[in-house]
Each structure stands twice: as C-alpha cells, then as structure tokens.
C-alpha atoms as a PDB file:
ATOM      1  CA  MET A   1     138.811 120.095 133.105  1.00  0.00           C
ATOM      2  CA  GLY A   2     136.389 121.345 135.726  1.00  0.00           C
ATOM      3  CA  ARG A   3     137.222 121.290 139.394  1.00  0.00           C
ATOM      4  CA  LYS A   4     134.588 118.652 140.216  1.00  0.00           C
ATOM      5  CA  LYS A   5     135.798 116.380 137.426  1.00  0.00           C
ATOM      6  CA  ARG A   6     139.425 116.764 138.540  1.00  0.00           C
ATOM      7  CA  ASN A   7     138.490 115.928 142.127  1.00  0.00           C
ATOM      8  CA  LEU A   8     136.593 112.870 140.903  1.00  0.00           C
ATOM      9  CA  TRP A   9     139.672 111.629 139.026  1.00  0.00           C
ATOM     10  CA  LEU A  10     141.850 112.181 142.102  1.00  0.00           C
ATOM     11  CA  PHE A  11     139.365 110.272 144.246  1.00  0.00           C
ATOM     12  CA  LEU A  12     139.288 107.357 141.767  1.00  0.00           C
ATOM     13  CA  LEU A  13     143.090 107.246 141.617  1.00  0.00           C
ATOM     14  CA  LEU A  14     143.305 107.147 145.418  1.00  0.00           C
ATOM     15  CA  CYS A  15     140.745 104.349 145.573  1.00  0.00           C
ATOM     16  CA  PHE A  16     142.661 102.365 142.957  1.00  0.00           C
ATOM     17  CA  GLY A  17     145.915 102.853 144.880  1.00  0.00           C
ATOM     18  CA  PHE A  18     144.389 101.599 148.137  1.00  0.00           C
ATOM     19  CA  LEU A  19     142.837  98.643 146.315  1.00  0.00           C
ATOM     20  CA  LEU A  20     146.198  97.736 144.761  1.00  0.00           C
ATOM     21  CA  ILE A  21     147.939  97.864 148.153  1.00  0.00           C
ATOM     22  CA  SER A  22     145.215  95.703 149.722  1.00  0.00           C
ATOM     23  CA  VAL A  23     145.429  93.092 146.956  1.00  0.00           C
ATOM     24  CA  THR A  24     149.236  92.967 147.205  1.00  0.00           C
ATOM     25  CA  ARG A  25     149.055  92.421 150.962  1.00  0.00           C
ATOM     26  CA  ALA A  26     146.386  89.758 150.548  1.00  0.00           C
ATOM     27  CA  LEU A  27     148.539  87.857 148.053  1.00  0.00           C
ATOM     28  CA  ALA A  28     151.568  87.818 150.379  1.00  0.00           C
ATOM     29  CA  THR A  29     151.988  84.410 152.023  1.00  0.00           C
ATOM     30  CA  THR A  30     153.766  83.127 155.109  1.00  0.00           C
ATOM     31  CA  ILE A  31     155.562  79.834 154.454  1.00  0.00           C
ATOM     32  CA  ASN A  32     156.510  77.882 157.565  1.00  0.00           C
ATOM     33  CA  VAL A  33     159.627  75.780 158.089  1.00  0.00           C
ATOM     34  CA  PRO A  34     159.376  72.936 158.883  1.00  0.00           C
ATOM     35  CA  GLY A  35     155.558  73.106 158.785  1.00  0.00           C
ATOM     36  CA  ASN A  36     155.228  73.572 155.018  1.00  0.00           C
ATOM     37  CA  TYR A  37     158.767  72.700 153.900  1.00  0.00           C
ATOM     38  CA  SER A  38     161.482  70.742 155.683  1.00  0.00           C
ATOM     39  CA  THR A  39     164.360  73.052 154.704  1.00  0.00           C
ATOM     40  CA  ILE A  40     164.781  76.816 154.563  1.00  0.00           C
ATOM     41  CA  GLN A  41     166.025  76.701 150.983  1.00  0.00           C
ATOM     42  CA  SER A  42     163.066  74.702 149.701  1.00  0.00           C
ATOM     43  CA  ALA A  43     160.742  77.249 151.313  1.00  0.00           C
ATOM     44  CA  ILE A  44     162.652  80.139 149.719  1.00  0.00           C
ATOM     45  CA  ASN A  45     162.438  78.405 146.339  1.00  0.00           C
ATOM     46  CA  ALA A  46     158.656  78.147 146.717  1.00  0.00           C
ATOM     47  CA  ALA A  47     158.240  81.773 147.828  1.00  0.00           C
ATOM     48  CA  SER A  48     157.218  84.728 145.686  1.00  0.00           C
ATOM     49  CA  PRO A  49     158.147  88.402 146.164  1.00  0.00           C
ATOM     50  CA  GLY A  50     156.338  89.744 149.219  1.00  0.00           C
ATOM     51  CA  ASP A  51     156.235  86.362 150.979  1.00  0.00           C
ATOM     52  CA  THR A  52     157.776  85.589 154.356  1.00  0.00           C
ATOM     53  CA  VAL A  53     159.571  82.357 155.152  1.00  0.00           C
ATOM     54  CA  GLN A  54     159.009  81.870 158.895  1.00  0.00           C
ATOM     55  CA  VAL A  55     161.557  79.471 160.372  1.00  0.00           C
ATOM     56  CA  ALA A  56     160.731  77.697 163.630  1.00  0.00           C
ATOM     57  CA  ALA A  57     163.210  77.242 166.463  1.00  0.00           C
ATOM     58  CA  GLY A  58     165.905  74.691 165.719  1.00  0.00           C
ATOM     59  CA  ILE A  59     169.315  74.087 164.161  1.00  0.00           C
ATOM     60  CA  TYR A  60     169.355  73.964 160.368  1.00  0.00           C
ATOM     61  CA  GLU A  61     172.496  72.552 158.754  1.00  0.00           C
ATOM     62  CA  GLU A  62     172.272  74.121 155.331  1.00  0.00           C
ATOM     63  CA  ARG A  63     173.482  76.984 153.188  1.00  0.00           C
ATOM     64  CA  ILE A  64     170.850  79.229 151.685  1.00  0.00           C
ATOM     65  CA  ARG A  65     170.495  81.533 148.691  1.00  0.00           C
ATOM     66  CA  LEU A  66     168.087  84.430 149.182  1.00  0.00           C
ATOM     67  CA  ARG A  67     165.420  85.324 146.662  1.00  0.00           C
ATOM     68  CA  SER A  68     164.600  88.914 145.783  1.00  0.00           C
ATOM     69  CA  GLY A  69     161.568  90.279 147.618  1.00  0.00           C
ATOM     70  CA  VAL A  70     161.399  87.445 150.161  1.00  0.00           C
ATOM     71  CA  THR A  71     161.823  87.870 153.919  1.00  0.00           C
ATOM     72  CA  VAL A  72     163.456  84.992 155.808  1.00  0.00           C
ATOM     73  CA  GLN A  73     162.550  85.308 159.483  1.00  0.00           C
ATOM     74  CA  GLY A  74     163.771  83.484 162.589  1.00  0.00           C
ATOM     75  CA  ASP A  75     164.772  84.206 166.189  1.00  0.00           C
ATOM     76  CA  PRO A  76     168.521  84.667 166.865  1.00  0.00           C
ATOM     77  CA  TYR A  77     168.302  82.939 170.231  1.00  0.00           C
ATOM     78  CA  GLU A  78     166.272  79.994 168.985  1.00  0.00           C
ATOM     79  CA  THR A  79     166.942  79.588 165.242  1.00  0.00           C
ATOM     80  CA  ALA A  80     170.392  78.739 163.883  1.00  0.00           C
ATOM     81  CA  ILE A  81     171.731  78.167 160.381  1.00  0.00           C
ATOM     82  CA  VAL A  82     175.058  76.399 160.701  1.00  0.00           C
ATOM     83  CA  GLY A  83     177.632  75.257 158.202  1.00  0.00           C
ATOM     84  CA  TYR A  84     179.068  72.445 160.235  1.00  0.00           C
ATOM     85  CA  THR A  85     178.508  68.998 158.812  1.00  0.00           C
ATOM     86  CA  ASP A  86     179.572  65.444 159.486  1.00  0.00           C
ATOM     87  CA  SER A  87     180.388  65.002 155.803  1.00  0.00           C
ATOM     88  CA  PRO A  88     184.100  64.436 155.071  1.00  0.00           C
ATOM     89  CA  ILE A  89     183.712  66.742 152.047  1.00  0.00           C
ATOM     90  CA  VAL A  90     184.177  70.374 153.067  1.00  0.00           C
ATOM     91  CA  THR A  91     182.169  72.779 150.933  1.00  0.00           C
ATOM     92  CA  GLU A  92     183.629  76.272 150.941  1.00  0.00           C
ATOM     93  CA  LYS A  93     180.473  78.332 150.683  1.00  0.00           C
ATOM     94  CA  PRO A  94     178.905  81.115 152.737  1.00  0.00           C
ATOM     95  CA  ILE A  95     175.965  80.279 154.988  1.00  0.00           C
ATOM     96  CA  VAL A  96     173.799  82.960 153.351  1.00  0.00           C
ATOM     97  CA  LYS A  97     174.258  84.135 149.756  1.00  0.00           C
ATOM     98  CA  ALA A  98     172.473  87.110 148.220  1.00  0.00           C
ATOM     99  CA  GLU A  99     173.081  87.877 144.562  1.00  0.00           C
ATOM    100  CA  ASN A 100     171.139  90.516 142.634  1.00  0.00           C
ATOM    101  CA  VAL A 101     168.406  90.885 145.256  1.00  0.00           C
ATOM    102  CA  GLY A 102     166.495  94.082 145.973  1.00  0.00           C
ATOM    103  CA  ALA A 103     165.858  96.276 148.998  1.00  0.00           C
ATOM    104  CA  ASN A 104     162.689  94.367 149.934  1.00  0.00           C
ATOM    105  CA  THR A 105     164.758  91.239 150.639  1.00  0.00           C
ATOM    106  CA  LYS A 106     165.515  90.493 154.287  1.00  0.00           C
ATOM    107  CA  ILE A 107     167.363  87.988 156.467  1.00  0.00           C
ATOM    108  CA  ASP A 108     166.281  88.631 160.053  1.00  0.00           C
ATOM    109  CA  GLY A 109     166.638  86.889 163.379  1.00  0.00           C
ATOM    110  CA  PHE A 110     169.136  84.040 162.975  1.00  0.00           C
ATOM    111  CA  LEU A 111     172.272  82.706 164.534  1.00  0.00           C
ATOM    112  CA  ILE A 112     174.522  82.313 161.477  1.00  0.00           C
ATOM    113  CA  MET A 113     177.671  80.340 162.195  1.00  0.00           C
ATOM    114  CA  GLY A 114     180.216  77.900 160.860  1.00  0.00           C
ATOM    115  CA  GLY A 115     180.568  79.303 157.357  1.00  0.00           C
ATOM    116  CA  ASP A 116     183.854  79.018 155.480  1.00  0.00           C
ATOM    117  CA  ALA A 117     184.257  80.699 152.098  1.00  0.00           C
ATOM    118  CA  TRP A 118     186.798  82.620 150.063  1.00  0.00           C
ATOM    119  CA  PRO A 119     185.131  85.962 150.903  1.00  0.00           C
ATOM    120  CA  GLY A 120     182.098  86.182 153.156  1.00  0.00           C
ATOM    121  CA  GLY A 121     181.970  83.090 155.336  1.00  0.00           C
ATOM    122  CA  GLY A 122     178.742  84.066 157.112  1.00  0.00           C
ATOM    123  CA  ILE A 123     176.925  86.251 154.573  1.00  0.00           C
ATOM    124  CA  PHE A 124     178.010  87.019 151.015  1.00  0.00           C
ATOM    125  CA  CYS A 125     176.155  89.714 149.088  1.00  0.00           C
ATOM    126  CA  ASP A 126     176.834  90.751 145.524  1.00  0.00           C
ATOM    127  CA  ASN A 127     175.076  93.549 143.660  1.00  0.00           C
ATOM    128  CA  SER A 128     172.317  93.544 146.259  1.00  0.00           C
ATOM    129  CA  SER A 129     170.520  95.972 148.565  1.00  0.00           C
ATOM    130  CA  LEU A 130     169.037  93.566 151.101  1.00  0.00           C
ATOM    131  CA  ILE A 131     168.351  94.117 154.802  1.00  0.00           C
ATOM    132  CA  ILE A 132     170.501  92.137 157.246  1.00  0.00           C
ATOM    133  CA  SER A 133     168.959  92.646 160.679  1.00  0.00           C
ATOM    134  CA  ASN A 134     168.732  91.233 164.204  1.00  0.00           C
ATOM    135  CA  ASN A 135     171.145  88.353 163.598  1.00  0.00           C
ATOM    136  CA  ILE A 136     174.022  86.916 165.554  1.00  0.00           C
ATOM    137  CA  ILE A 137     176.827  86.246 163.059  1.00  0.00           C
ATOM    138  CA  ALA A 138     179.590  84.294 164.737  1.00  0.00           C
ATOM    139  CA  LEU A 139     182.444  81.819 164.225  1.00  0.00           C
ATOM    140  CA  ASN A 140     182.603  82.172 160.450  1.00  0.00           C
ATOM    141  CA  ASN A 141     185.799  82.244 158.432  1.00  0.00           C
ATOM    142  CA  ALA A 142     186.975  83.726 155.143  1.00  0.00           C
ATOM    143  CA  GLN A 143     189.968  82.501 153.211  1.00  0.00           C
ATOM    144  CA  ASP A 144     190.341  86.090 151.970  1.00  0.00           C
ATOM    145  CA  ILE A 145     188.298  88.913 153.581  1.00  0.00           C
ATOM    146  CA  GLY A 146     184.944  89.370 155.300  1.00  0.00           C
ATOM    147  CA  GLY A 147     184.634  86.452 157.686  1.00  0.00           C
ATOM    148  CA  GLY A 148     181.249  87.572 159.042  1.00  0.00           C
ATOM    149  CA  ILE A 149     179.864  89.578 156.113  1.00  0.00           C
ATOM    150  CA  PHE A 150     181.314  90.446 152.727  1.00  0.00           C
ATOM    151  CA  CYS A 151     179.555  92.668 150.192  1.00  0.00           C
ATOM    152  CA  ASP A 152     180.692  93.494 146.668  1.00  0.00           C
ATOM    153  CA  GLY A 153     179.016  96.201 144.589  1.00  0.00           C
ATOM    154  CA  ALA A 154     176.179  96.261 147.103  1.00  0.00           C
ATOM    155  CA  SER A 155     174.172  98.688 149.225  1.00  0.00           C
ATOM    156  CA  PRO A 156     172.844  96.603 152.127  1.00  0.00           C
ATOM    157  CA  LYS A 157     171.250  97.858 155.332  1.00  0.00           C
ATOM    158  CA  ILE A 158     173.015  96.139 158.233  1.00  0.00           C
ATOM    159  CA  VAL A 159     171.017  96.851 161.379  1.00  0.00           C
ATOM    160  CA  ASN A 160     170.986  95.579 164.985  1.00  0.00           C
ATOM    161  CA  ASN A 161     173.278  92.591 164.476  1.00  0.00           C
ATOM    162  CA  ILE A 162     175.869  91.065 166.776  1.00  0.00           C
ATOM    163  CA  ILE A 163     178.965  90.165 164.770  1.00  0.00           C
ATOM    164  CA  LEU A 164     181.662  88.414 166.767  1.00  0.00           C
ATOM    165  CA  LEU A 165     184.451  85.849 166.730  1.00  0.00           C
ATOM    166  CA  ASN A 166     184.702  85.754 162.941  1.00  0.00           C
ATOM    167  CA  SER A 167     188.037  85.515 161.178  1.00  0.00           C
ATOM    168  CA  ALA A 168     189.822  86.202 157.911  1.00  0.00           C
ATOM    169  CA  HIS A 169     193.079  84.484 157.049  1.00  0.00           C
ATOM    170  CA  ASN A 170     194.897  87.743 156.409  1.00  0.00           C
ATOM    171  CA  ASN A 171     193.333  89.439 159.471  1.00  0.00           C
ATOM    172  CA  TYR A 172     191.605  91.914 157.166  1.00  0.00           C
ATOM    173  CA  GLY A 173     187.912  92.508 157.702  1.00  0.00           C
ATOM    174  CA  GLY A 174     187.225  89.479 159.813  1.00  0.00           C
ATOM    175  CA  GLY A 175     183.960  91.042 160.987  1.00  0.00           C
ATOM    176  CA  ILE A 176     182.695  92.898 157.903  1.00  0.00           C
ATOM    177  CA  ALA A 177     184.351  93.804 154.614  1.00  0.00           C
ATOM    178  CA  PHE A 178     183.133  95.766 151.604  1.00  0.00           C
ATOM    179  CA  ARG A 179     184.280  96.271 148.033  1.00  0.00           C
ATOM    180  CA  ASP A 180     182.787  99.016 145.862  1.00  0.00           C
ATOM    181  CA  SER A 181     179.763  99.162 148.169  1.00  0.00           C
ATOM    182  CA  ASP A 182     177.609 101.797 149.836  1.00  0.00           C
ATOM    183  CA  PRO A 183     176.225 100.167 152.990  1.00  0.00           C
ATOM    184  CA  ILE A 184     174.087 101.614 155.755  1.00  0.00           C
ATOM    185  CA  ILE A 185     175.360 100.283 159.096  1.00  0.00           C
ATOM    186  CA  VAL A 186     173.278 101.077 162.181  1.00  0.00           C
ATOM    187  CA  ASN A 187     173.444  99.933 165.812  1.00  0.00           C
ATOM    188  CA  ASN A 188     175.516  96.773 165.387  1.00  0.00           C
ATOM    189  CA  THR A 189     177.873  95.217 167.909  1.00  0.00           C
ATOM    190  CA  VAL A 190     181.080  94.170 166.141  1.00  0.00           C
ATOM    191  CA  THR A 191     183.614  92.683 168.516  1.00  0.00           C
ATOM    192  CA  GLU A 192     186.430  90.170 168.865  1.00  0.00           C
ATOM    193  CA  ASN A 193     186.749  89.589 165.145  1.00  0.00           C
ATOM    194  CA  GLU A 194     190.125  89.229 163.446  1.00  0.00           C
ATOM    195  CA  GLY A 195     190.450  92.428 161.441  1.00  0.00           C
ATOM    196  CA  GLY A 196     187.280  94.333 162.393  1.00  0.00           C
ATOM    197  CA  VAL A 197     185.427  96.251 159.667  1.00  0.00           C
ATOM    198  CA  VAL A 198     186.966  97.405 156.363  1.00  0.00           C
END
C-alpha cells in the first residue's frame, strides 16, 4: 500500500472515530427528578447507558438499584436518599444497590442515610466497578459488616466521600468493608464509625 493511500485510510479512520464519539455524546440524555420522573428509581429504569439522572434538591425516601452505564447525580448538601419510613414494616435493604454494573456507572453527590441491611446498609456493591464519589454516607447500619459501604467481588472507585457514624453489629467494618475486592480509595474522610475500614 502506498504512503498516500495509507495516510488516507488513517484519516478516514480518525474521522469515523470522531463521528462515533460525537453521535454517542449526542444520544446521551439527562433525565430530571422530579421534572421527568417522580422517583429516582423510575428515572434509572428509564435511563440508557451514557445517560445522567439529575436529582433535584430534596429528601427522597426510597432505595435504589443502579443501572450499568448510568450516572446518578445530586448534591450532598441538598439531595438526600433516606431509608427511614413511617411504615410499620421494616425492610432490611441497602439504600443503594449495585450488582454487575460497570466502571461507567456512578453515584455522586448524595446524602445517603438510614439504611439497614445484612451487609452494606448504605451502599451494597457486588461484582461491580462503579464510581462512588462526593457523597455523605452516614447513620447506616449493617447486621453483619459494612454499615456504610460493603463490596463483594468488586473493584469500585471510592473518591471524596464523607463516611461517618455508621455501625455494624459486630463492630467490624462499620464504615467500609470488602470481601474479595480490589477497590481504589482516594481522599475520603472516614470517622466515628463502629469498626472503621476492613
């Protein structure tokens, strides 16, 4: 193949790559809560990979399951997901659950509190490589380990969070706990939890 022809092919490949990136960005959508959907979970269910669920200031009494490739965005000083409920039936589930989600999945900018689960009262991640960033994770409880965050077989990035006042019944990993995981933990404040980080 001549040099000019090779250069032409390289140029066409570069153009195609830029076009593909532009189309992907154009297809990404921002879904607003409560503007488009009344609950965070219904917005996540409607989202596609690459979309952002933008949650307005407020207190949301729900438990959510993340979807691979979707960013869920709030403000930790204005947007709270809480597990408290007036219902007499206590549901032992984490506030945020991530199962089999990829590295382009993110939960960012929330106050996450009031979760009560066997492991992982605040955030439970299993076989996932999500980003957990810029959250305040507080006052969650685990019947076993990982009151604030528990990850099993996972490789999450846990960045710039405040993790405090979480508990585990056996005082083991009240803040964060891992099992068979390879996390990246950067610039978090983990304090006043029962059991710290294991």
